[in-house]
Protein backbone atom coordinates (compact mmCIF):
# COMPACT_ATOMS: atom_id res chain seq x y z
CA MET A 1 54.58 42.37 38.17
CA CYS A 2 55.00 44.03 34.74
CA SER A 3 57.97 43.05 32.60
CA THR A 4 60.23 45.63 31.04
CA GLY A 5 60.50 46.22 27.32
CA GLY A 6 63.47 43.86 26.95
CA ASP A 7 61.73 41.13 28.88
CA GLN A 8 58.36 41.24 27.09
CA GLY A 9 56.61 37.88 26.62
CA SER A 10 56.55 36.35 23.16
CA ASP A 11 53.47 36.53 20.84
CA PRO A 12 52.67 33.05 19.36
CA GLU A 13 50.66 34.53 16.48
CA ARG A 14 53.50 36.94 15.69
CA GLU A 15 56.07 34.13 15.75
CA ALA A 16 53.96 32.00 13.39
CA ARG A 17 53.46 34.81 10.91
CA PRO A 18 56.89 34.58 9.18
CA ASP A 19 56.30 30.90 8.34
CA ASP A 20 52.89 31.73 6.93
CA ASP A 21 54.37 34.52 4.85
CA ARG A 22 57.05 32.22 3.48
CA ALA A 23 54.47 29.58 2.54
CA TYR A 24 52.32 32.21 0.84
CA SER A 25 55.35 33.53 -1.07
CA ALA A 26 56.24 30.01 -2.18
CA LEU A 27 52.69 29.54 -3.44
CA GLN A 28 52.91 32.75 -5.46
CA GLU A 29 56.19 31.64 -6.96
CA ASP A 30 54.76 28.21 -7.93
CA SER A 31 55.40 27.47 -11.58
CA LEU A 32 52.38 28.07 -13.80
CA GLU A 33 53.63 25.24 -15.95
CA ASP A 34 53.61 22.94 -12.94
CA LEU A 35 50.07 24.05 -12.08
CA TYR A 36 49.00 23.14 -15.61
CA GLU A 37 50.85 19.85 -15.80
CA ASN A 38 49.82 18.49 -12.39
CA ALA A 39 46.38 19.97 -12.04
CA PRO A 40 43.70 17.78 -10.37
CA CYS A 41 41.99 17.54 -13.77
CA GLY A 42 43.12 16.78 -17.29
CA TYR A 43 43.83 19.50 -19.85
CA LEU A 44 44.37 19.29 -23.56
CA SER A 45 44.25 21.70 -26.46
CA THR A 46 43.39 20.75 -30.01
CA LEU A 47 43.18 22.45 -33.38
CA PRO A 48 39.70 22.96 -34.85
CA ASP A 49 40.09 19.66 -36.70
CA GLY A 50 40.60 17.88 -33.35
CA ARG A 51 44.35 17.27 -33.61
CA ILE A 52 46.02 17.38 -30.18
CA ILE A 53 48.66 20.10 -29.76
CA LYS A 54 48.97 20.14 -25.97
CA VAL A 55 48.13 17.77 -23.12
CA ASN A 56 48.98 17.87 -19.43
CA THR A 57 50.70 15.21 -17.34
CA THR A 58 47.57 14.47 -15.29
CA LEU A 59 45.61 13.29 -18.32
CA LEU A 60 48.61 11.36 -19.67
CA ASN A 61 48.91 9.49 -16.37
CA TRP A 62 45.17 8.69 -16.34
CA LEU A 63 45.40 7.28 -19.86
CA GLY A 64 48.78 5.61 -19.36
CA ARG A 65 50.13 7.27 -22.52
CA LYS A 66 53.20 9.25 -23.53
CA ARG A 67 53.09 12.83 -24.74
CA GLY A 68 54.91 12.02 -27.98
CA ASP A 69 52.29 9.42 -28.89
CA LEU A 70 49.50 12.02 -28.78
CA VAL A 71 50.73 15.52 -29.60
CA GLY A 72 50.55 16.11 -33.33
CA ARG A 73 49.62 12.45 -33.93
CA ARG A 74 46.16 11.86 -32.52
CA THR A 75 42.83 13.66 -32.38
CA PHE A 76 40.70 14.04 -29.30
CA SER A 77 38.12 11.60 -30.66
CA ASP A 78 40.91 8.99 -31.06
CA LEU A 79 41.08 8.85 -27.25
CA LEU A 80 37.41 7.98 -26.90
CA THR A 81 35.67 4.61 -26.93
CA VAL A 82 33.68 3.65 -30.02
CA GLY A 83 30.45 4.83 -28.45
CA GLY A 84 32.06 8.01 -27.17
CA ARG A 85 33.55 8.71 -30.60
CA LEU A 86 30.16 8.31 -32.25
CA TYR A 87 28.54 10.67 -29.74
CA HIS A 88 31.39 13.17 -30.19
CA GLU A 89 30.98 13.26 -33.94
CA THR A 90 27.17 13.41 -34.00
CA HIS A 91 26.43 15.61 -30.98
CA PHE A 92 29.41 16.99 -29.10
CA ALA A 93 31.40 18.50 -31.99
CA PRO A 94 28.37 20.01 -33.83
CA LEU A 95 27.08 21.64 -30.64
CA LEU A 96 30.54 22.97 -29.82
CA ARG A 97 30.82 24.55 -33.28
CA MET A 98 27.41 26.20 -32.93
CA GLN A 99 27.65 27.34 -29.29
CA GLY A 100 31.40 27.84 -28.84
CA GLU A 101 31.22 26.03 -25.50
CA ILE A 102 29.83 22.80 -24.12
CA SER A 103 29.99 21.71 -20.49
CA GLY A 104 29.77 18.58 -18.32
CA ILE A 105 29.33 15.96 -21.04
CA ALA A 106 29.75 12.36 -19.85
CA LEU A 107 32.07 10.34 -22.13
CA GLU A 108 34.37 7.35 -21.87
CA MET A 109 38.06 7.45 -22.83
CA ARG A 110 40.16 4.44 -23.76
CA THR A 111 43.35 3.96 -21.75
CA ALA A 112 46.57 2.41 -23.06
CA ASP A 113 45.71 -0.97 -21.55
CA GLY A 114 42.28 -0.99 -23.20
CA SER A 115 40.21 -0.21 -20.11
CA ARG A 116 37.50 2.45 -20.04
CA LEU A 117 37.88 5.71 -18.15
CA PRO A 118 34.57 7.52 -17.44
CA VAL A 119 35.06 11.29 -17.65
CA LEU A 120 33.14 14.58 -17.70
CA VAL A 121 34.29 16.86 -20.51
CA THR A 122 34.04 20.63 -20.92
CA SER A 123 35.31 22.32 -24.08
CA THR A 124 35.64 25.96 -25.14
CA VAL A 125 36.50 27.33 -28.58
CA ARG A 126 39.11 30.08 -28.70
CA THR A 127 38.68 32.42 -31.68
CA GLY A 128 40.93 34.96 -33.36
CA THR A 129 40.27 38.63 -34.00
CA ASP A 130 38.46 37.67 -37.20
CA GLY A 131 36.10 35.41 -35.25
CA GLN A 132 37.49 32.24 -36.75
CA PRO A 133 38.27 29.31 -34.38
CA LEU A 134 41.94 28.96 -33.52
CA LEU A 135 41.92 26.07 -31.06
CA ILE A 136 39.73 24.13 -28.66
CA ARG A 137 40.57 23.98 -24.96
CA THR A 138 39.19 20.94 -23.16
CA THR A 139 39.04 20.12 -19.46
CA VAL A 140 38.62 16.47 -18.45
CA PHE A 141 37.37 15.44 -15.00
CA HIS A 142 37.86 11.91 -13.69
CA ALA A 143 34.40 10.39 -13.12
CA ARG A 144 35.13 6.79 -12.12
CA ASP A 145 34.13 7.38 -8.49
CA ARG A 146 31.06 9.29 -9.62
CA ARG A 147 30.14 6.52 -12.07
CA ALA A 148 30.48 3.92 -9.32
CA TYR A 149 28.30 6.07 -7.08
CA GLU A 150 25.66 6.44 -9.82
CA GLU A 151 25.71 2.71 -10.52
CA GLU A 152 25.25 2.02 -6.82
CA LEU A 153 22.32 4.42 -6.76
CA LEU A 154 20.84 2.68 -9.79
CA ARG A 155 21.21 -0.74 -8.16
CA ALA A 156 19.62 0.59 -4.98
CA ARG A 157 16.74 2.07 -6.98
CA GLN A 158 16.20 -1.17 -8.88
CA GLU A 159 16.22 -3.11 -5.63
CA SER A 160 13.77 -0.64 -4.15
CA GLU A 161 11.48 -1.04 -7.17
CA ARG A 162 11.63 -4.84 -6.87
CA GLU A 163 10.78 -4.58 -3.17
CA ARG A 164 7.93 -2.18 -3.92
CA ARG A 165 6.50 -4.56 -6.52
CA ARG A 166 6.80 -7.42 -4.05
CA LEU A 167 4.97 -5.43 -1.37
CA GLN A 168 2.30 -4.43 -3.88
CA GLN A 169 1.76 -8.07 -4.78
CA LEU A 170 1.59 -8.94 -1.11
CA ALA A 171 -0.91 -6.15 -0.47
CA THR A 172 -3.02 -7.22 -3.45
CA THR A 173 -3.03 -10.84 -2.30
CA LEU A 174 -3.89 -9.88 1.27
CA GLN A 175 -6.65 -7.55 0.04
CA ALA A 176 -8.16 -10.38 -2.00
CA THR A 177 -8.33 -12.61 1.06
CA LEU A 178 -10.41 -10.00 2.88
CA LEU A 179 -13.14 -10.02 0.23
CA PRO A 180 -15.48 -12.90 -0.58
CA PRO A 181 -14.42 -14.83 -3.70
CA THR A 182 -18.10 -15.04 -4.70
CA LEU A 183 -21.37 -13.69 -3.35
CA ALA A 184 -24.30 -15.93 -2.50
CA ASP A 185 -26.71 -16.73 -5.31
CA VAL A 186 -30.04 -15.49 -3.95
CA PRO A 187 -33.11 -16.62 -5.93
CA GLY A 188 -35.05 -13.62 -7.18
CA LEU A 189 -32.21 -11.18 -6.48
CA ASP A 190 -29.50 -9.73 -8.75
CA VAL A 191 -26.29 -8.73 -6.96
CA ALA A 192 -23.25 -6.67 -8.02
CA ALA A 193 -20.22 -5.51 -6.03
CA HIS A 194 -17.03 -3.58 -6.64
CA TYR A 195 -13.92 -2.68 -4.65
CA HIS A 196 -12.02 0.40 -5.77
CA ILE A 197 -8.41 0.44 -4.53
CA ALA A 198 -7.09 3.95 -3.91
CA SER A 199 -3.44 2.85 -3.51
CA VAL A 200 -1.79 -0.41 -4.57
CA ASP A 201 0.83 0.11 -1.86
CA GLU A 202 -1.50 -0.31 1.10
CA VAL A 203 -4.19 -2.72 2.20
CA GLY A 204 -7.50 -0.99 2.78
CA GLY A 205 -10.04 -1.68 5.49
CA ASP A 206 -13.28 -1.82 3.48
CA PHE A 207 -15.21 -5.10 3.35
CA TYR A 208 -18.54 -6.59 2.25
CA ASP A 209 -20.33 -9.93 1.98
CA LEU A 210 -23.65 -11.60 1.15
CA PHE A 211 -24.27 -15.08 2.57
CA PRO A 212 -27.13 -17.52 3.32
CA LEU A 213 -28.62 -18.01 6.78
CA ALA A 214 -31.78 -20.00 7.54
CA ALA A 215 -34.11 -21.08 4.74
CA GLY A 216 -35.40 -18.01 2.91
CA THR A 217 -33.11 -15.53 4.69
CA TRP A 218 -29.74 -14.06 3.84
CA GLY A 219 -27.36 -11.71 5.55
CA LEU A 220 -25.40 -8.91 3.92
CA PHE A 221 -22.98 -6.37 5.31
CA LEU A 222 -20.59 -3.65 4.22
CA GLY A 223 -18.12 -1.82 6.46
CA ASP A 224 -15.03 0.33 6.72
CA VAL A 225 -12.26 -0.15 9.29
CA CYS A 226 -10.30 2.92 10.36
CA GLY A 227 -6.75 3.11 9.03
CA LYS A 228 -4.79 1.12 6.47
CA GLY A 229 -2.09 -1.51 6.36
CA ALA A 230 -1.60 -4.76 8.23
CA GLU A 231 -3.29 -3.52 11.41
CA ALA A 232 -6.44 -2.52 9.52
CA ALA A 233 -6.36 -5.85 7.66
CA ALA A 234 -6.34 -7.74 10.95
CA VAL A 235 -9.40 -5.82 12.17
CA THR A 236 -11.11 -6.34 8.81
CA SER A 237 -10.60 -10.08 8.99
CA LEU A 238 -11.86 -10.21 12.57
CA ALA A 239 -14.93 -8.10 11.68
CA ARG A 240 -15.89 -10.23 8.67
CA TYR A 241 -15.73 -13.54 10.48
CA THR A 242 -17.38 -12.16 13.61
CA LEU A 243 -20.30 -10.81 11.60
CA ARG A 244 -20.87 -14.11 9.83
CA ALA A 245 -20.58 -16.16 13.02
CA ALA A 246 -22.81 -13.80 15.01
CA ALA A 247 -25.47 -13.84 12.27
CA VAL A 248 -25.61 -17.64 12.36
CA TYR A 249 -26.08 -17.55 16.15
CA ASP A 250 -28.66 -14.71 16.13
CA PRO A 251 -29.52 -13.07 12.77
CA ASP A 252 -31.18 -10.01 14.31
CA PRO A 253 -29.15 -7.10 12.83
CA VAL A 254 -28.94 -5.24 16.14
CA ALA A 255 -27.65 -8.36 17.90
CA VAL A 256 -25.13 -9.00 15.13
CA LEU A 257 -23.61 -5.50 15.33
CA GLY A 258 -23.79 -5.65 19.13
CA ASN A 259 -21.67 -8.79 19.12
CA LEU A 260 -19.13 -7.19 16.80
CA ASN A 261 -19.01 -4.10 19.01
CA THR A 262 -18.29 -6.27 22.06
CA VAL A 263 -15.48 -8.14 20.29
CA LEU A 264 -13.75 -5.02 18.93
CA ASN A 265 -14.13 -3.09 22.17
CA HIS A 266 -12.66 -6.01 24.11
CA GLU A 267 -9.77 -6.68 21.71
CA TYR A 268 -8.78 -3.08 20.93
CA ASN A 269 -9.45 -1.00 24.04
CA GLY A 270 -5.81 -0.32 24.94
CA THR A 271 -3.30 2.17 23.58
CA ASP A 272 -4.20 1.33 19.97
CA PRO A 273 -8.02 1.40 19.77
CA ARG A 274 -9.59 0.16 16.56
CA PHE A 275 -13.10 0.71 15.32
CA CYS A 276 -15.20 0.54 12.17
CA THR A 277 -18.44 1.63 10.60
CA VAL A 278 -20.75 -1.20 9.50
CA ILE A 279 -24.18 -1.62 7.97
CA PHE A 280 -25.74 -5.08 8.33
CA GLY A 281 -28.90 -6.27 6.63
CA LEU A 282 -31.19 -9.25 7.02
CA LEU A 283 -33.02 -10.19 3.80
CA THR A 284 -36.17 -12.30 3.97
CA SER A 285 -37.80 -13.55 0.78
CA ASP A 286 -41.40 -12.44 0.33
CA GLY A 287 -42.35 -15.61 -1.48
CA GLY A 288 -45.05 -15.23 -4.09
CA GLN A 289 -44.97 -11.41 -4.12
CA GLY A 290 -41.47 -11.46 -5.65
CA GLY A 291 -39.81 -9.06 -3.26
CA PHE A 292 -37.78 -9.00 -0.05
CA ARG A 293 -38.30 -7.65 3.41
CA ILE A 294 -35.08 -6.06 4.62
CA THR A 295 -34.01 -4.83 8.02
CA LEU A 296 -30.85 -2.71 8.07
CA ALA A 297 -28.83 -1.90 11.18
CA SER A 298 -26.13 0.78 11.04
CA GLY A 299 -23.22 1.43 13.33
CA GLY A 300 -22.05 4.87 12.30
CA HIS A 301 -22.09 3.98 8.59
CA PRO A 302 -23.25 6.21 5.69
CA PRO A 303 -26.94 5.55 4.93
CA ALA A 304 -27.93 3.12 2.18
CA LEU A 305 -29.40 4.51 -1.04
CA LEU A 306 -32.72 3.07 -2.27
CA LEU A 307 -33.50 3.49 -6.00
CA ARG A 308 -37.19 2.75 -6.54
CA ALA A 309 -38.90 1.26 -9.57
CA ASP A 310 -40.98 4.45 -9.92
CA GLY A 311 -37.83 6.51 -10.69
CA THR A 312 -37.35 8.03 -7.22
CA ALA A 313 -34.28 7.63 -5.02
CA ASP A 314 -33.66 8.49 -1.36
CA TYR A 315 -31.37 7.61 1.51
CA LEU A 316 -32.78 5.19 4.06
CA PRO A 317 -32.86 6.82 7.52
CA THR A 318 -30.49 5.23 10.02
CA PRO A 319 -29.66 8.24 12.22
CA GLY A 320 -27.73 8.11 15.45
CA GLY A 321 -25.87 4.85 14.89
CA GLN A 322 -22.53 4.91 16.73
CA LEU A 323 -19.11 3.66 15.63
CA ILE A 324 -18.57 -0.03 16.29
CA GLY A 325 -15.84 -0.81 18.83
CA VAL A 326 -15.55 2.59 20.55
CA LEU A 327 -18.06 2.25 23.40
CA PRO A 328 -18.95 -0.86 25.41
CA ASP A 329 -22.62 -0.42 24.48
CA ALA A 330 -22.93 1.29 21.10
CA HIS A 331 -26.29 2.59 19.90
CA ILE A 332 -27.38 0.76 16.73
CA ALA A 333 -29.80 2.51 14.34
CA THR A 334 -32.26 0.34 12.35
CA THR A 335 -34.79 0.65 9.54
CA THR A 336 -37.11 -1.91 7.91
CA PHE A 337 -38.51 -1.67 4.37
CA ARG A 338 -39.53 -3.69 1.34
CA LEU A 339 -37.42 -4.18 -1.76
CA ASP A 340 -40.03 -4.64 -4.48
CA PRO A 341 -39.53 -5.72 -8.10
CA GLY A 342 -37.64 -3.01 -9.97
CA ASP A 343 -36.05 -1.60 -6.77
CA THR A 344 -32.29 -1.41 -6.19
CA LEU A 345 -30.47 -1.02 -2.88
CA LEU A 346 -26.93 0.43 -2.83
CA LEU A 347 -24.50 0.18 0.10
CA HIS A 348 -21.22 2.13 -0.10
CA THR A 349 -18.29 3.26 2.02
CA ASP A 350 -17.30 6.91 2.41
CA GLY A 351 -14.35 6.69 0.03
CA LEU A 352 -16.86 7.66 -2.67
CA THR A 353 -18.59 10.62 -1.03
CA GLU A 354 -15.35 11.99 0.49
CA ALA A 355 -13.43 11.87 -2.80
CA HIS A 356 -12.09 15.20 -4.05
CA THR A 357 -13.59 16.62 -7.23
CA SER A 358 -11.81 18.76 -9.81
CA ARG A 359 -12.85 21.87 -7.90
CA ARG A 360 -10.21 22.59 -5.32
CA GLY A 361 -11.23 21.63 -1.81
CA ASP A 362 -14.66 20.26 -2.80
CA ARG A 363 -15.76 16.67 -2.24
CA PHE A 364 -18.15 14.53 -4.24
CA GLY A 365 -20.56 14.46 -1.31
CA ASP A 366 -23.86 12.84 -0.35
CA ASP A 367 -25.93 15.21 -2.49
CA ALA A 368 -24.05 14.32 -5.66
CA LEU A 369 -24.54 10.61 -5.00
CA LEU A 370 -28.25 11.17 -4.40
CA ASP A 371 -28.51 13.13 -7.66
CA LEU A 372 -26.78 10.27 -9.45
CA GLY A 373 -29.22 7.77 -7.94
CA ARG A 374 -32.20 9.84 -9.04
CA ALA A 375 -30.76 10.08 -12.54
CA LEU A 376 -30.24 6.31 -12.70
CA ALA A 377 -33.54 5.09 -11.20
CA PRO A 378 -35.08 2.78 -12.15
CA THR A 379 -31.98 0.70 -12.80
CA THR A 380 -30.28 -2.58 -11.95
CA ALA A 381 -27.53 -3.56 -9.54
CA ARG A 382 -25.03 -4.06 -12.35
CA HIS A 383 -25.73 -0.72 -14.00
CA THR A 384 -25.67 1.10 -10.67
CA ILE A 385 -22.19 -0.26 -9.90
CA ALA A 386 -21.04 0.51 -13.46
CA ALA A 387 -22.19 4.14 -13.19
CA ILE A 388 -20.41 4.66 -9.86
CA ARG A 389 -17.25 3.02 -11.21
CA ASP A 390 -17.32 5.62 -14.00
CA VAL A 391 -17.55 8.37 -11.37
CA LEU A 392 -14.62 6.93 -9.42
CA ASP A 393 -12.54 6.67 -12.59
CA SER A 394 -13.37 10.26 -13.55
CA LEU A 395 -12.26 11.53 -10.12
CA GLY A 396 -8.85 9.85 -10.58
CA THR A 397 -6.39 10.68 -7.81
CA GLY A 398 -9.13 12.58 -6.00
CA VAL A 399 -10.23 9.21 -4.62
CA ASP A 400 -7.72 8.92 -1.78
CA ASP A 401 -9.52 6.21 0.20
CA ASP A 402 -10.69 2.74 -0.80
CA THR A 403 -14.34 2.41 -1.79
CA ALA A 404 -16.53 -0.68 -1.43
CA LEU A 405 -19.85 -0.96 -3.27
CA LEU A 406 -22.60 -3.56 -2.92
CA ALA A 407 -25.90 -3.34 -4.81
CA VAL A 408 -28.91 -5.71 -4.78
CA HIS A 409 -31.84 -5.54 -7.17
CA VAL A 410 -35.16 -7.35 -7.55
CA PRO A 411 -35.84 -7.90 -11.27
CA ARG A 412 -39.27 -7.22 -12.67
CA PRO A 413 -40.93 -10.39 -13.89
CA ASP A 414 -42.86 -8.73 -16.69
CA ARG A 415 -39.99 -7.11 -18.63
CA ALA A 416 -36.22 -6.85 -18.73
CA ASP A 417 -34.77 -4.19 -16.47
CA ARG A 418 -32.61 -1.58 -18.11
CA PRO A 419 -31.21 1.77 -16.98
CA ARG A 420 -32.31 5.08 -18.37
CA GLY A 421 -29.14 5.57 -20.41
CA SER A 422 -29.42 9.25 -21.31
CA ARG A 423 -30.01 10.36 -17.72
CA ALA A 424 -27.24 8.09 -16.41
CA ALA A 425 -24.75 9.47 -18.91
CA ALA A 426 -25.62 13.03 -17.94
CA ALA A 427 -25.08 12.26 -14.27
CA THR A 428 -21.72 10.52 -14.52
CA GLY A 429 -20.12 13.13 -16.74
CA PRO A 430 -17.10 12.65 -19.02
CA SER A 431 -14.42 10.18 -18.04
CA THR A 432 -10.83 11.30 -17.71
């Protein structure tokens, strides 16, 4: 049924409107003086010389002072701490005179009881028709809560920095345990190694070693575990000790990498598979001829670089070697050669060749490393490592993965080995 005009239902919004109108009218009639005196921020006005001529109740309450103690008796700088007063006189006031306005300056005011009140201050110069300053109007915002918040942020940042340094130290210590403290002293062989850390915040997965086996034979290896951090470190540790133990049991390079493949495939074949690339070598002294016979086996690792005594350099072919730990029976690629007096063998991980150069999107690459080797040959293990360290340093942040280097060299008995300095300098380029 429809109700008649006299019986019409009430409109809640219409009934509420008169109260809203009255509240709005009351707001319009609010005293401007009261708005000034009890504003949520402090106000004060000073003459150009800084003498206070007006101050609102809000600021007086913050400072715990009486109006009669300030107006006509004190300057604005009198309300500041010693440090705040010095800053006001040397920076704040001169800038205000030059610019006519200065905003959001952090200062500290001294309250009646001697405590400090952190504030943010904004001041504007009011000028007359002749352009001369008449007075300075200043707004003061209470900043104690903000200061506490900033101090808390600072404490949190300092704590974060301490924790970061602690983790960096932990990562550095852990990284050191994954590398041999010293390499074996092999008669008739000079050895040099280097580990380039891309980030001090994470433990890398690169590793290398050179160690004695039976009389007249030595084993060497260099590898790269996928990933970084504690998980990669665990695999690195397992790989190092497995390689050494397997080589003692059966030094044949294919058997050594086969054993490592079996261990990794068995331990990490679940939801979090782990694998690595490895190159393992068996060195056998050639006795009176002053060289070494070397057999290298590669499981998916970048090929070794051979720098000959005659000035040539080439990669040693180990094609088709598969990643270690992925398949139950990985294919292992091998090559056998002689390391004669004056020759140098370089093993490296792909952090070097995959590093970004200054040209956007380009990488250092295998060809650039080969060119460097040809420029260096004939050279020594130490100078080879030094030249590559210069390259890594010149690439800077372009090296985003750790790089392990291991070089072995057979010295010439007739004369001291030395690198061809001019060609080496041309290849490495300027350092940055």
